[in-house]
All heavy atoms as atom14 arrays in JSON, in Angstrom:
{
  "sequence": "AIIVDDPDAPAGTWVHWVVWNIPVTQHIKEDHVP",
  "atom14_mask": [
    [1, 1, 1, 1, 1, 0, 0, 0, 0, 0, 0, 0, 0, 0],
    [1, 1, 1, 1, 1, 1, 1, 1, 0, 0, 0, 0, 0, 0],
    [1, 1, 1, 1, 1, 1, 1, 1, 0, 0, 0, 0, 0, 0],
    [1, 1, 1, 1, 1, 1, 1, 0, 0, 0, 0, 0, 0, 0],
    [1, 1, 1, 1, 1, 1, 1, 1, 0, 0, 0, 0, 0, 0],
    [1, 1, 1, 1, 1, 1, 1, 1, 0, 0, 0, 0, 0, 0],
    [1, 1, 1, 1, 1, 1, 1, 0, 0, 0, 0, 0, 0, 0],
    [1, 1, 1, 1, 1, 1, 1, 1, 0, 0, 0, 0, 0, 0],
    [1, 1, 1, 1, 1, 0, 0, 0, 0, 0, 0, 0, 0, 0],
    [1, 1, 1, 1, 1, 1, 1, 0, 0, 0, 0, 0, 0, 0],
    [1, 1, 1, 1, 1, 0, 0, 0, 0, 0, 0, 0, 0, 0],
    [1, 1, 1, 1, 0, 0, 0, 0, 0, 0, 0, 0, 0, 0],
    [1, 1, 1, 1, 1, 1, 1, 0, 0, 0, 0, 0, 0, 0],
    [1, 1, 1, 1, 1, 1, 1, 1, 1, 1, 1, 1, 1, 1],
    [1, 1, 1, 1, 1, 1, 1, 0, 0, 0, 0, 0, 0, 0],
    [1, 1, 1, 1, 1, 1, 1, 1, 1, 1, 0, 0, 0, 0],
    [1, 1, 1, 1, 1, 1, 1, 1, 1, 1, 1, 1, 1, 1],
    [1, 1, 1, 1, 1, 1, 1, 0, 0, 0, 0, 0, 0, 0],
    [1, 1, 1, 1, 1, 1, 1, 0, 0, 0, 0, 0, 0, 0],
    [1, 1, 1, 1, 1, 1, 1, 1, 1, 1, 1, 1, 1, 1],
    [1, 1, 1, 1, 1, 1, 1, 1, 0, 0, 0, 0, 0, 0],
    [1, 1, 1, 1, 1, 1, 1, 1, 0, 0, 0, 0, 0, 0],
    [1, 1, 1, 1, 1, 1, 1, 0, 0, 0, 0, 0, 0, 0],
    [1, 1, 1, 1, 1, 1, 1, 0, 0, 0, 0, 0, 0, 0],
    [1, 1, 1, 1, 1, 1, 1, 0, 0, 0, 0, 0, 0, 0],
    [1, 1, 1, 1, 1, 1, 1, 1, 1, 0, 0, 0, 0, 0],
    [1, 1, 1, 1, 1, 1, 1, 1, 1, 1, 0, 0, 0, 0],
    [1, 1, 1, 1, 1, 1, 1, 1, 0, 0, 0, 0, 0, 0],
    [1, 1, 1, 1, 1, 1, 1, 1, 1, 0, 0, 0, 0, 0],
    [1, 1, 1, 1, 1, 1, 1, 1, 1, 0, 0, 0, 0, 0],
    [1, 1, 1, 1, 1, 1, 1, 1, 0, 0, 0, 0, 0, 0],
    [1, 1, 1, 1, 1, 1, 1, 1, 1, 1, 0, 0, 0, 0],
    [1, 1, 1, 1, 1, 1, 1, 0, 0, 0, 0, 0, 0, 0],
    [1, 1, 1, 1, 1, 1, 1, 0, 0, 0, 0, 0, 0, 0]
  ],
  "atom14_positions": [
    [[-7.91, -57.74, 18.84], [-9.33, -57.57, 19.21], [-9.35, -57.12, 20.64], [-8.44, -57.43, 21.54], [-10.08, -58.88, 19.07], [0.0, 0.0, 0.0], [0.0, 0.0, 0.0], [0.0, 0.0, 0.0], [0.0, 0.0, 0.0], [0.0, 0.0, 0.0], [0.0, 0.0, 0.0], [0.0, 0.0, 0.0], [0.0, 0.0, 0.0], [0.0, 0.0, 0.0]],
    [[-10.4, -56.27, 21.02], [-10.54, -55.86, 22.46], [-11.96, -56.08, 22.87], [-12.89, -55.77, 22.05], [-10.18, -54.26, 22.47], [-8.78, -53.96, 22.02], [-10.51, -53.73, 23.86], [-8.47, -52.51, 21.96], [0.0, 0.0, 0.0], [0.0, 0.0, 0.0], [0.0, 0.0, 0.0], [0.0, 0.0, 0.0], [0.0, 0.0, 0.0], [0.0, 0.0, 0.0]],
    [[-12.17, -56.46, 24.06], [-13.47, -56.63, 24.65], [-13.3, -55.89, 26.09], [-12.35, -56.12, 26.8], [-13.83, -58.09, 24.94], [-14.05, -58.84, 23.56], [-15.09, -58.22, 25.79], [-14.24, -60.29, 23.66], [0.0, 0.0, 0.0], [0.0, 0.0, 0.0], [0.0, 0.0, 0.0], [0.0, 0.0, 0.0], [0.0, 0.0, 0.0], [0.0, 0.0, 0.0]],
    [[-14.21, -54.99, 26.36], [-14.23, -54.36, 27.66], [-15.5, -54.69, 28.27], [-16.62, -54.59, 27.68], [-14.19, -52.75, 27.44], [-14.15, -52.11, 28.81], [-12.81, -52.45, 26.83], [0.0, 0.0, 0.0], [0.0, 0.0, 0.0], [0.0, 0.0, 0.0], [0.0, 0.0, 0.0], [0.0, 0.0, 0.0], [0.0, 0.0, 0.0], [0.0, 0.0, 0.0]],
    [[-15.41, -55.35, 29.58], [-16.66, -55.62, 30.15], [-16.57, -55.52, 31.73], [-15.43, -55.31, 32.22], [-17.09, -57.06, 29.86], [-16.14, -58.12, 30.18], [-15.17, -57.98, 31.04], [-16.18, -59.2, 29.53], [0.0, 0.0, 0.0], [0.0, 0.0, 0.0], [0.0, 0.0, 0.0], [0.0, 0.0, 0.0], [0.0, 0.0, 0.0], [0.0, 0.0, 0.0]],
    [[-17.68, -55.55, 32.38], [-17.91, -55.3, 33.81], [-18.56, -56.51, 34.35], [-19.79, -56.76, 34.18], [-18.72, -54.04, 34.03], [-19.25, -53.92, 35.44], [-18.86, -54.63, 36.4], [-20.08, -53.02, 35.66], [0.0, 0.0, 0.0], [0.0, 0.0, 0.0], [0.0, 0.0, 0.0], [0.0, 0.0, 0.0], [0.0, 0.0, 0.0], [0.0, 0.0, 0.0]],
    [[-17.81, -57.42, 35.12], [-18.29, -58.62, 35.58], [-19.22, -58.36, 36.88], [-19.86, -59.25, 37.37], [-17.18, -59.46, 35.95], [-16.14, -58.45, 36.3], [-16.41, -57.39, 35.37], [0.0, 0.0, 0.0], [0.0, 0.0, 0.0], [0.0, 0.0, 0.0], [0.0, 0.0, 0.0], [0.0, 0.0, 0.0], [0.0, 0.0, 0.0], [0.0, 0.0, 0.0]],
    [[-19.26, -57.11, 37.4], [-19.91, -56.82, 38.6], [-21.29, -56.2, 38.37], [-21.99, -55.75, 39.32], [-19.03, -55.82, 39.53], [-17.68, -56.4, 39.75], [-17.53, -57.57, 40.04], [-16.71, -55.58, 39.68], [0.0, 0.0, 0.0], [0.0, 0.0, 0.0], [0.0, 0.0, 0.0], [0.0, 0.0, 0.0], [0.0, 0.0, 0.0], [0.0, 0.0, 0.0]],
    [[-21.85, -56.21, 37.14], [-23.05, -55.58, 36.86], [-24.16, -56.39, 37.53], [-24.01, -57.71, 37.61], [-23.32, -55.53, 35.38], [0.0, 0.0, 0.0], [0.0, 0.0, 0.0], [0.0, 0.0, 0.0], [0.0, 0.0, 0.0], [0.0, 0.0, 0.0], [0.0, 0.0, 0.0], [0.0, 0.0, 0.0], [0.0, 0.0, 0.0], [0.0, 0.0, 0.0]],
    [[-25.24, -55.8, 38.03], [-26.34, -56.49, 38.7], [-26.95, -57.62, 37.91], [-27.19, -58.75, 38.44], [-27.4, -55.45, 38.9], [-26.58, -54.19, 38.94], [-25.44, -54.33, 37.94], [0.0, 0.0, 0.0], [0.0, 0.0, 0.0], [0.0, 0.0, 0.0], [0.0, 0.0, 0.0], [0.0, 0.0, 0.0], [0.0, 0.0, 0.0], [0.0, 0.0, 0.0]],
    [[-27.03, -57.57, 36.63], [-27.68, -58.56, 35.86], [-26.58, -59.55, 35.18], [-27.11, -60.38, 34.39], [-28.47, -57.96, 34.72], [0.0, 0.0, 0.0], [0.0, 0.0, 0.0], [0.0, 0.0, 0.0], [0.0, 0.0, 0.0], [0.0, 0.0, 0.0], [0.0, 0.0, 0.0], [0.0, 0.0, 0.0], [0.0, 0.0, 0.0], [0.0, 0.0, 0.0]],
    [[-25.41, -59.55, 35.62], [-24.35, -60.28, 35.1], [-23.39, -59.46, 34.29], [-23.56, -58.23, 34.28], [0.0, 0.0, 0.0], [0.0, 0.0, 0.0], [0.0, 0.0, 0.0], [0.0, 0.0, 0.0], [0.0, 0.0, 0.0], [0.0, 0.0, 0.0], [0.0, 0.0, 0.0], [0.0, 0.0, 0.0], [0.0, 0.0, 0.0], [0.0, 0.0, 0.0]],
    [[-22.32, -60.04, 33.72], [-21.37, -59.22, 32.99], [-21.95, -58.36, 31.96], [-22.79, -58.83, 31.11], [-20.36, -60.2, 32.32], [-19.82, -61.09, 33.38], [-19.23, -59.44, 31.56], [0.0, 0.0, 0.0], [0.0, 0.0, 0.0], [0.0, 0.0, 0.0], [0.0, 0.0, 0.0], [0.0, 0.0, 0.0], [0.0, 0.0, 0.0], [0.0, 0.0, 0.0]],
    [[-21.57, -57.09, 32.02], [-22.07, -56.14, 31.09], [-20.91, -55.78, 30.15], [-19.82, -55.33, 30.52], [-22.5, -54.86, 31.87], [-23.19, -53.77, 30.99], [-22.66, -52.69, 30.31], [-24.64, -53.76, 30.56], [-23.49, -52.03, 29.75], [-24.75, -52.7, 29.8], [-25.7, -54.57, 30.92], [-26.05, -52.34, 29.25], [-26.97, -54.26, 30.46], [-27.11, -53.18, 29.62]],
    [[-21.16, -55.76, 28.79], [-20.21, -55.49, 27.78], [-20.16, -54.01, 27.38], [-21.21, -53.47, 26.85], [-20.44, -56.36, 26.55], [-19.46, -56.19, 25.45], [-20.54, -57.86, 26.89], [0.0, 0.0, 0.0], [0.0, 0.0, 0.0], [0.0, 0.0, 0.0], [0.0, 0.0, 0.0], [0.0, 0.0, 0.0], [0.0, 0.0, 0.0], [0.0, 0.0, 0.0]],
    [[-19.02, -53.39, 27.44], [-18.98, -52.01, 27.17], [-18.32, -51.72, 25.82], [-18.48, -50.63, 25.16], [-18.03, -51.29, 28.24], [-18.79, -51.17, 29.52], [-19.36, -50.12, 29.97], [-19.01, -52.22, 30.58], [-20.0, -50.18, 31.2], [-19.75, -51.46, 31.49], [0.0, 0.0, 0.0], [0.0, 0.0, 0.0], [0.0, 0.0, 0.0], [0.0, 0.0, 0.0]],
    [[-17.53, -52.59, 25.24], [-16.88, -52.43, 23.91], [-16.43, -53.71, 23.31], [-15.93, -54.49, 24.07], [-15.54, -51.5, 24.17], [-15.09, -50.71, 23.0], [-15.87, -50.31, 21.85], [-13.81, -50.22, 22.76], [-15.14, -49.58, 21.04], [-13.85, -49.47, 21.52], [-12.72, -50.2, 23.54], [-12.7, -48.78, 21.16], [-11.63, -49.5, 23.1], [-11.6, -48.87, 21.85]],
    [[-16.7, -53.84, 22.08], [-16.25, -54.99, 21.31], [-15.67, -54.55, 19.96], [-16.33, -53.81, 19.16], [-17.61, -55.85, 21.01], [-17.09, -57.13, 20.13], [-18.29, -56.2, 22.22], [0.0, 0.0, 0.0], [0.0, 0.0, 0.0], [0.0, 0.0, 0.0], [0.0, 0.0, 0.0], [0.0, 0.0, 0.0], [0.0, 0.0, 0.0], [0.0, 0.0, 0.0]],
    [[-14.33, -54.78, 19.81], [-13.68, -54.29, 18.63], [-12.73, -55.34, 18.01], [-12.09, -56.02, 18.82], [-12.76, -53.12, 18.86], [-12.3, -52.33, 17.64], [-13.45, -52.08, 19.82], [0.0, 0.0, 0.0], [0.0, 0.0, 0.0], [0.0, 0.0, 0.0], [0.0, 0.0, 0.0], [0.0, 0.0, 0.0], [0.0, 0.0, 0.0], [0.0, 0.0, 0.0]],
    [[-12.72, -55.47, 16.75], [-11.77, -56.55, 16.15], [-11.17, -55.96, 14.85], [-11.58, -54.86, 14.39], [-12.58, -57.8, 15.92], [-13.67, -57.82, 14.92], [-13.57, -57.95, 13.5], [-15.1, -57.42, 15.17], [-14.86, -57.74, 12.96], [-15.72, -57.45, 13.98], [-15.67, -57.16, 16.3], [-17.06, -57.12, 13.86], [-17.12, -56.77, 16.2], [-17.74, -56.86, 14.97]],
    [[-10.34, -56.76, 14.2], [-9.55, -56.44, 13.06], [-8.91, -55.08, 13.27], [-8.76, -54.23, 12.34], [-10.52, -56.23, 11.82], [-10.89, -57.61, 11.29], [-10.36, -58.68, 11.72], [-11.91, -57.65, 10.49], [0.0, 0.0, 0.0], [0.0, 0.0, 0.0], [0.0, 0.0, 0.0], [0.0, 0.0, 0.0], [0.0, 0.0, 0.0], [0.0, 0.0, 0.0]],
    [[-8.22, -54.86, 14.4], [-7.37, -53.84, 14.75], [-6.04, -54.14, 14.18], [-5.53, -55.14, 14.43], [-7.28, -53.58, 16.27], [-8.71, -53.42, 16.88], [-6.3, -52.49, 16.61], [-8.72, -53.42, 18.4], [0.0, 0.0, 0.0], [0.0, 0.0, 0.0], [0.0, 0.0, 0.0], [0.0, 0.0, 0.0], [0.0, 0.0, 0.0], [0.0, 0.0, 0.0]],
    [[-5.47, -53.27, 13.38], [-4.13, -53.5, 12.78], [-3.21, -53.62, 13.99], [-3.4, -53.06, 14.96], [-3.92, -52.17, 11.92], [-5.21, -51.73, 11.67], [-6.07, -52.0, 12.73], [0.0, 0.0, 0.0], [0.0, 0.0, 0.0], [0.0, 0.0, 0.0], [0.0, 0.0, 0.0], [0.0, 0.0, 0.0], [0.0, 0.0, 0.0], [0.0, 0.0, 0.0]],
    [[-2.2, -54.59, 13.85], [-1.23, -54.73, 14.83], [-0.56, -53.55, 15.2], [0.03, -52.89, 14.4], [-0.27, -55.9, 14.5], [0.73, -56.1, 15.61], [-1.01, -57.25, 14.19], [0.0, 0.0, 0.0], [0.0, 0.0, 0.0], [0.0, 0.0, 0.0], [0.0, 0.0, 0.0], [0.0, 0.0, 0.0], [0.0, 0.0, 0.0], [0.0, 0.0, 0.0]],
    [[-0.62, -53.15, 16.46], [-0.03, -51.87, 17.04], [0.25, -52.04, 18.48], [-0.38, -52.85, 19.18], [-0.96, -50.7, 16.77], [-0.33, -49.46, 17.18], [-2.35, -50.86, 17.5], [0.0, 0.0, 0.0], [0.0, 0.0, 0.0], [0.0, 0.0, 0.0], [0.0, 0.0, 0.0], [0.0, 0.0, 0.0], [0.0, 0.0, 0.0], [0.0, 0.0, 0.0]],
    [[1.23, -51.26, 18.96], [1.54, -51.28, 20.4], [0.77, -50.17, 21.1], [1.0, -49.99, 22.34], [3.0, -51.12, 20.54], [3.74, -52.39, 20.09], [5.24, -52.3, 20.49], [5.76, -51.39, 21.11], [5.94, -53.28, 20.05], [0.0, 0.0, 0.0], [0.0, 0.0, 0.0], [0.0, 0.0, 0.0], [0.0, 0.0, 0.0], [0.0, 0.0, 0.0]],
    [[-0.06, -49.44, 20.33], [-0.74, -48.28, 21.09], [-2.12, -47.96, 20.45], [-2.19, -47.81, 19.27], [0.11, -46.98, 21.08], [-0.38, -45.85, 21.71], [-0.48, -45.77, 23.05], [-1.13, -44.7, 21.29], [-1.05, -44.61, 23.43], [-1.45, -44.0, 22.38], [0.0, 0.0, 0.0], [0.0, 0.0, 0.0], [0.0, 0.0, 0.0], [0.0, 0.0, 0.0]],
    [[-3.05, -48.12, 21.35], [-4.47, -47.79, 20.93], [-4.71, -46.27, 21.52], [-4.52, -46.09, 22.67], [-5.56, -48.67, 21.55], [-5.29, -50.12, 21.18], [-6.92, -48.22, 21.14], [-5.37, -50.52, 19.72], [0.0, 0.0, 0.0], [0.0, 0.0, 0.0], [0.0, 0.0, 0.0], [0.0, 0.0, 0.0], [0.0, 0.0, 0.0], [0.0, 0.0, 0.0]],
    [[-4.96, -45.34, 20.62], [-5.14, -43.99, 20.93], [-6.43, -43.75, 21.81], [-7.39, -44.4, 21.48], [-5.1, -43.05, 19.76], [-3.88, -43.08, 19.02], [-3.95, -42.23, 17.79], [-2.7, -42.37, 16.96], [-2.78, -41.67, 15.6], [0.0, 0.0, 0.0], [0.0, 0.0, 0.0], [0.0, 0.0, 0.0], [0.0, 0.0, 0.0], [0.0, 0.0, 0.0]],
    [[-6.36, -42.79, 22.6], [-7.56, -42.35, 23.37], [-8.66, -41.72, 22.28], [-8.17, -41.16, 21.36], [-7.18, -41.25, 24.24], [-8.22, -40.42, 24.94], [-7.78, -39.26, 25.84], [-7.17, -39.62, 26.93], [-8.02, -38.17, 25.44], [0.0, 0.0, 0.0], [0.0, 0.0, 0.0], [0.0, 0.0, 0.0], [0.0, 0.0, 0.0], [0.0, 0.0, 0.0]],
    [[-9.88, -41.98, 22.51], [-10.98, -41.53, 21.76], [-10.73, -41.88, 20.26], [-10.88, -41.03, 19.35], [-11.14, -40.1, 21.98], [-12.36, -39.51, 21.39], [-13.36, -40.31, 21.1], [-12.5, -38.33, 21.05], [0.0, 0.0, 0.0], [0.0, 0.0, 0.0], [0.0, 0.0, 0.0], [0.0, 0.0, 0.0], [0.0, 0.0, 0.0], [0.0, 0.0, 0.0]],
    [[-10.46, -43.16, 20.05], [-10.17, -43.57, 18.55], [-10.82, -44.96, 18.37], [-10.79, -45.77, 19.23], [-8.62, -43.7, 18.51], [-8.19, -44.19, 17.25], [-8.22, -43.52, 16.14], [-7.63, -45.41, 16.9], [-7.84, -44.1, 15.01], [-7.42, -45.35, 15.43], [0.0, 0.0, 0.0], [0.0, 0.0, 0.0], [0.0, 0.0, 0.0], [0.0, 0.0, 0.0]],
    [[-11.28, -45.03, 17.25], [-11.99, -46.35, 16.84], [-10.8, -47.09, 16.1], [-10.46, -46.76, 14.86], [-13.15, -46.13, 15.85], [-13.73, -47.53, 15.46], [-14.21, -45.4, 16.53], [0.0, 0.0, 0.0], [0.0, 0.0, 0.0], [0.0, 0.0, 0.0], [0.0, 0.0, 0.0], [0.0, 0.0, 0.0], [0.0, 0.0, 0.0], [0.0, 0.0, 0.0]],
    [[-10.25, -48.11, 16.68], [-9.0, -48.7, 16.05], [-9.37, -49.81, 15.09], [-8.48, -50.23, 14.25], [-8.26, -49.33, 17.27], [-9.36, -49.62, 18.22], [-10.46, -48.55, 17.99], [0.0, 0.0, 0.0], [0.0, 0.0, 0.0], [0.0, 0.0, 0.0], [0.0, 0.0, 0.0], [0.0, 0.0, 0.0], [0.0, 0.0, 0.0], [0.0, 0.0, 0.0]]
  ]
}
């Protein structure tokens, strides 16, 4: 699973990406929904 967030946002932590059930891999490709 991946969570990308920004704790410095003015209103508190801002969430940019939430992804789960990614098959086990050592590489997430650019511009790819894993």
